[in-house]
Amino acid sequence: LDGAIVADLHHDHSDEWERLFAKAALAGVPVYHSRQVAEMQRGQVKISHLSENDLGSLIPNVPYMTTKRLIDLVGALALLPMLLPAFAVIAIAIRLDSRGSVFFTQDRMGFRGRTFRIIKFRTMRERDLAASDDAEREDAMTRSDDDRISGIGRFLRNTRIDELPQVFNIIKGEMSWIVPRPEAIALSKWYEGELPFYSYRHIVRPGISGWAQVNQGHVTDVNDVNAKLRYDFYYVKNISLWLDLLVTLKTLRVIFTGNGAK
């Protein structure tokens, strides 16, 4: 036998096929489960129901999670002296571009479902919000052609520079560099009501950039969120140094070229 075999290993195959799979493995020929191949090709996992077959262990890679926190903290502290002068320049540009605060803060859903306050550079013009759940949810959604975005704000968003003040959230232990992005509370509550097992994405600390962000971009409805969750759960299932490096490289491409998923 040569090459590789891809098959649904959960199917009740005949004895002939079972012998073929066994002989192939003994001969050093890779035998892949079809779902694993589909996940690798799409960068997503199936989430029709939460089970070990879909997501692997429901507790992510514990040894790497400990190392990841150390990498996050050391990286944040090392970059902070270089970021602070840039923050001053960006703050001046924001104040010259539109009235309002330099920073934007908002409560987000965080690690294990605990809320925290995220900090970003303000990229939208200040506006008055109606006091209702629907208005809060609508305001929390950002579309690619959103007319609320200011001139300098569009540049900051396209290059992800607006996210950099979250280095302080990382130092506090509320966030990581690379993990699924945190959602606004209004959106998170809505998604939990609409999508089964949505809250499982909070099993890891939220991040500045993530697998869904570099592959999909903005989401504006439940169908989009369902697709985003498949990316998020793929990351949680396969969380590792190599996957973090891949997301980092894709994010750097967006920062330096302005091209890619936003």
Protein backbone atom coordinates (compact mmCIF):
# COMPACT_ATOMS: atom_id res chain seq x y z
CA LEU A 1 0.00 0.00 0.00
CA ASP A 2 1.14 3.53 -0.78
CA GLY A 3 -0.17 7.00 0.04
CA ALA A 4 -2.80 7.41 2.75
CA ILE A 5 -6.31 6.23 3.55
CA VAL A 6 -9.17 8.51 4.60
CA ALA A 7 -12.29 6.81 5.95
CA ASP A 8 -15.14 7.29 8.39
CA LEU A 9 -13.69 5.23 11.23
CA HIS A 10 -16.93 5.53 13.20
CA HIS A 11 -18.79 3.63 10.48
CA ASP A 12 -19.54 -0.08 10.94
CA HIS A 13 -17.26 -1.32 8.15
CA SER A 14 -17.19 -4.86 6.81
CA ASP A 15 -14.47 -7.29 7.95
CA GLU A 16 -12.61 -6.80 4.66
CA TRP A 17 -12.34 -3.05 5.18
CA GLU A 18 -11.32 -3.48 8.83
CA ARG A 19 -8.51 -5.84 7.73
CA LEU A 20 -7.42 -3.33 5.09
CA PHE A 21 -7.19 -0.52 7.64
CA ALA A 22 -5.20 -2.74 10.04
CA LYS A 23 -2.78 -3.91 7.32
CA ALA A 24 -2.31 -0.37 6.10
CA ALA A 25 -1.42 0.85 9.58
CA LEU A 26 1.01 -2.05 10.09
CA ALA A 27 2.65 -1.20 6.75
CA GLY A 28 3.17 2.40 7.86
CA VAL A 29 0.41 3.85 5.67
CA PRO A 30 -1.45 6.69 7.47
CA VAL A 31 -5.13 6.00 8.12
CA TYR A 32 -7.09 9.18 8.84
CA HIS A 33 -10.57 9.63 10.17
CA SER A 34 -12.56 11.64 7.60
CA ARG A 35 -13.71 14.16 10.19
CA GLN A 36 -10.12 14.95 11.15
CA VAL A 37 -9.24 15.59 7.51
CA ALA A 38 -12.27 17.84 7.06
CA GLU A 39 -11.31 19.81 10.18
CA MET A 40 -7.74 20.26 8.94
CA GLN A 41 -8.93 21.48 5.53
CA ARG A 42 -11.53 23.92 6.86
CA GLY A 43 -9.91 24.96 10.13
CA GLN A 44 -13.27 24.35 11.81
CA VAL A 45 -14.90 21.66 13.93
CA LYS A 46 -18.42 20.31 13.75
CA ILE A 47 -20.54 21.65 16.61
CA SER A 48 -23.95 20.10 16.03
CA HIS A 49 -23.64 18.77 19.58
CA LEU A 50 -21.03 18.93 22.30
CA SER A 51 -19.29 15.58 22.63
CA GLU A 52 -15.85 14.13 23.00
CA ASN A 53 -15.94 12.96 19.37
CA ASP A 54 -16.47 16.54 18.18
CA LEU A 55 -14.07 18.47 20.38
CA GLY A 56 -11.71 15.96 21.92
CA SER A 57 -11.16 16.55 25.63
CA LEU A 58 -13.40 19.33 26.89
CA ILE A 59 -10.44 20.65 28.90
CA PRO A 60 -7.90 22.27 26.56
CA ASN A 61 -4.19 21.43 26.49
CA VAL A 62 -3.42 22.00 30.20
CA PRO A 63 0.42 21.98 30.06
CA TYR A 64 0.47 24.42 27.16
CA MET A 65 -2.11 26.69 28.79
CA THR A 66 0.27 27.18 31.74
CA THR A 67 3.18 27.93 29.40
CA LYS A 68 0.97 30.20 27.30
CA ARG A 69 0.17 32.42 30.27
CA LEU A 70 3.89 32.85 30.96
CA ILE A 71 4.56 33.68 27.28
CA ASP A 72 1.72 36.22 27.33
CA LEU A 73 3.01 37.98 30.45
CA VAL A 74 6.66 38.09 29.41
CA GLY A 75 5.72 39.29 25.92
CA ALA A 76 3.44 42.02 27.25
CA LEU A 77 6.01 43.34 29.72
CA ALA A 78 8.77 43.27 27.07
CA LEU A 79 6.67 45.18 24.51
CA LEU A 80 5.21 47.76 26.89
CA PRO A 81 8.21 50.18 26.86
CA MET A 82 8.10 50.24 23.04
CA LEU A 83 4.32 50.60 22.88
CA LEU A 84 3.95 53.55 25.27
CA PRO A 85 5.56 56.17 22.95
CA ALA A 86 3.43 54.89 20.05
CA PHE A 87 0.33 55.12 22.25
CA ALA A 88 1.05 58.82 22.83
CA VAL A 89 1.23 59.54 19.09
CA ILE A 90 -1.96 57.57 18.39
CA ALA A 91 -3.78 59.37 21.20
CA ILE A 92 -2.94 62.76 19.67
CA ALA A 93 -4.13 61.60 16.24
CA ILE A 94 -7.45 60.40 17.67
CA ARG A 95 -8.09 63.69 19.50
CA LEU A 96 -7.34 65.69 16.36
CA ASP A 97 -9.62 63.50 14.25
CA SER A 98 -12.83 63.60 16.32
CA ARG A 99 -14.12 64.71 19.70
CA GLY A 100 -14.30 62.31 22.59
CA SER A 101 -12.14 60.10 24.73
CA VAL A 102 -8.96 58.57 23.35
CA PHE A 103 -9.85 55.17 24.76
CA PHE A 104 -12.93 53.00 24.45
CA THR A 105 -13.82 50.69 27.35
CA GLN A 106 -16.55 48.08 27.44
CA ASP A 107 -17.54 45.13 29.60
CA ARG A 108 -16.83 41.84 27.83
CA MET A 109 -17.42 38.18 28.62
CA GLY A 110 -14.14 36.66 29.74
CA PHE A 111 -12.41 33.56 31.07
CA ARG A 112 -14.88 30.99 32.49
CA GLY A 113 -17.77 33.42 32.01
CA ARG A 114 -16.38 36.19 34.21
CA THR A 115 -16.89 39.75 32.96
CA PHE A 116 -14.04 42.21 32.64
CA ARG A 117 -13.51 45.68 31.15
CA ILE A 118 -11.65 45.75 27.85
CA ILE A 119 -9.64 48.80 26.76
CA LYS A 120 -9.08 49.86 23.13
CA PHE A 121 -8.33 52.99 21.20
CA ARG A 122 -11.59 54.70 20.22
CA THR A 123 -12.30 54.18 16.52
CA MET A 124 -15.89 55.42 16.33
CA ARG A 125 -17.48 58.80 16.69
CA GLU A 126 -19.27 59.34 19.97
CA ARG A 127 -23.02 58.75 19.82
CA ASP A 128 -26.01 58.48 22.16
CA LEU A 129 -27.40 54.99 22.75
CA ALA A 130 -31.01 54.03 23.38
CA ALA A 131 -31.54 52.22 26.67
CA SER A 132 -32.71 48.82 25.42
CA ASP A 133 -31.25 45.35 24.93
CA ASP A 134 -31.84 45.49 21.16
CA ALA A 135 -30.07 48.85 20.89
CA GLU A 136 -27.10 47.62 22.93
CA ARG A 137 -26.84 44.50 20.81
CA GLU A 138 -27.06 46.45 17.56
CA ASP A 139 -24.47 48.95 18.75
CA ALA A 140 -22.07 46.14 19.72
CA MET A 141 -22.05 44.78 16.16
CA THR A 142 -19.54 46.34 13.79
CA ARG A 143 -19.97 45.98 10.04
CA SER A 144 -17.24 46.31 7.44
CA ASP A 145 -18.81 49.47 5.98
CA ASP A 146 -19.91 50.90 9.35
CA ASP A 147 -20.41 54.68 8.96
CA ARG A 148 -19.81 55.22 12.68
CA ILE A 149 -16.08 54.60 12.20
CA SER A 150 -13.95 57.77 12.17
CA GLY A 151 -11.21 58.54 9.65
CA ILE A 152 -8.25 57.57 11.83
CA GLY A 153 -10.43 54.85 13.34
CA ARG A 154 -10.68 52.96 10.05
CA PHE A 155 -6.90 52.84 9.77
CA LEU A 156 -6.56 51.70 13.39
CA ARG A 157 -9.14 48.95 12.89
CA ASN A 158 -7.75 47.73 9.56
CA THR A 159 -4.29 47.36 11.06
CA ARG A 160 -5.57 46.12 14.45
CA ILE A 161 -3.59 48.86 16.18
CA ASP A 162 -6.76 49.83 18.09
CA GLU A 163 -6.47 46.55 20.03
CA LEU A 164 -2.94 47.18 21.39
CA PRO A 165 -4.00 48.88 24.67
CA GLN A 166 -5.30 45.45 25.65
CA VAL A 167 -1.69 44.72 26.61
CA PHE A 168 -2.83 45.99 30.02
CA ASN A 169 -5.63 43.39 30.06
CA ILE A 170 -3.01 40.73 29.31
CA ILE A 171 -0.79 41.87 32.18
CA LYS A 172 -3.80 41.72 34.52
CA GLY A 173 -4.47 38.13 33.45
CA GLU A 174 -7.81 38.92 31.82
CA MET A 175 -6.69 38.26 28.24
CA SER A 176 -4.13 36.50 26.08
CA TRP A 177 -2.39 37.54 22.85
CA ILE A 178 -3.89 34.73 20.75
CA VAL A 179 -7.27 33.15 21.62
CA PRO A 180 -10.91 33.72 20.54
CA ARG A 181 -11.93 37.39 20.85
CA PRO A 182 -14.14 38.45 23.78
CA GLU A 183 -17.70 39.44 22.97
CA ALA A 184 -19.72 42.33 24.35
CA ILE A 185 -22.03 41.25 27.16
CA ALA A 186 -25.20 42.04 25.18
CA LEU A 187 -24.02 39.93 22.24
CA SER A 188 -22.76 37.10 24.42
CA LYS A 189 -26.11 36.78 26.20
CA TRP A 190 -27.94 36.80 22.88
CA TYR A 191 -25.68 34.15 21.36
CA GLU A 192 -26.03 31.93 24.43
CA GLY A 193 -29.78 32.08 24.03
CA GLU A 194 -29.64 31.24 20.32
CA LEU A 195 -26.73 28.78 20.02
CA PRO A 196 -26.20 25.62 22.08
CA PHE A 197 -22.87 25.38 23.88
CA TYR A 198 -21.84 28.92 22.96
CA SER A 199 -20.48 29.48 26.46
CA TYR A 200 -17.89 26.73 25.94
CA ARG A 201 -15.72 29.27 24.07
CA HIS A 202 -15.07 30.89 27.48
CA ILE A 203 -13.02 27.83 28.54
CA VAL A 204 -9.91 29.84 27.56
CA ARG A 205 -8.92 33.45 28.20
CA PRO A 206 -10.11 35.74 25.38
CA GLY A 207 -7.43 37.17 23.10
CA ILE A 208 -6.43 40.19 21.06
CA SER A 209 -6.47 38.10 17.88
CA GLY A 210 -7.78 34.62 17.14
CA TRP A 211 -8.25 31.87 14.59
CA ALA A 212 -11.75 33.07 13.67
CA GLN A 213 -10.62 36.68 13.22
CA VAL A 214 -7.85 35.84 10.73
CA ASN A 215 -10.10 33.46 8.76
CA GLN A 216 -13.58 34.98 8.86
CA GLY A 217 -13.81 38.63 9.85
CA HIS A 218 -16.85 40.52 11.18
CA VAL A 219 -20.03 38.70 12.20
CA THR A 220 -23.43 40.35 12.16
CA ASP A 221 -26.00 37.58 12.67
CA VAL A 222 -26.48 34.19 14.31
CA ASN A 223 -25.50 32.25 11.18
CA ASP A 224 -22.19 34.11 11.07
CA VAL A 225 -21.63 33.39 14.75
CA ASN A 226 -22.29 29.68 14.18
CA ALA A 227 -19.50 29.66 11.60
CA LYS A 228 -17.27 31.68 13.93
CA LEU A 229 -17.85 29.14 16.70
CA ARG A 230 -16.58 26.35 14.45
CA TYR A 231 -13.33 28.28 14.09
CA ASP A 232 -13.20 29.06 17.83
CA PHE A 233 -13.79 25.43 18.80
CA TYR A 234 -11.17 24.27 16.30
CA TYR A 235 -8.70 26.52 18.07
CA VAL A 236 -9.70 25.28 21.53
CA LYS A 237 -9.46 21.65 20.41
CA ASN A 238 -6.04 22.12 18.77
CA ILE A 239 -4.57 24.85 20.98
CA SER A 240 -0.80 24.67 20.69
CA LEU A 241 2.30 26.74 20.10
CA TRP A 242 2.28 26.06 16.34
CA LEU A 243 -1.33 27.22 15.99
CA ASP A 244 -0.59 30.38 17.98
CA LEU A 245 2.40 31.07 15.73
CA LEU A 246 0.20 30.63 12.65
CA VAL A 247 -2.40 33.09 13.96
CA THR A 248 0.40 35.51 14.90
CA LEU A 249 1.83 35.42 11.37
CA LYS A 250 -1.61 35.95 9.83
CA THR A 251 -2.26 38.83 12.23
CA LEU A 252 1.08 40.47 11.41
CA ARG A 253 0.17 40.27 7.73
CA VAL A 254 -3.00 42.25 8.48
CA ILE A 255 -1.10 44.80 10.59
CA PHE A 256 1.62 45.48 8.01
CA THR A 257 -0.43 45.17 4.81
CA GLY A 258 -3.98 46.01 5.87
CA ASN A 259 -5.13 42.91 3.94
CA GLY A 260 -6.92 39.91 5.37
CA ALA A 261 -9.88 39.15 7.59
CA LYS A 262 -10.77 41.99 9.96
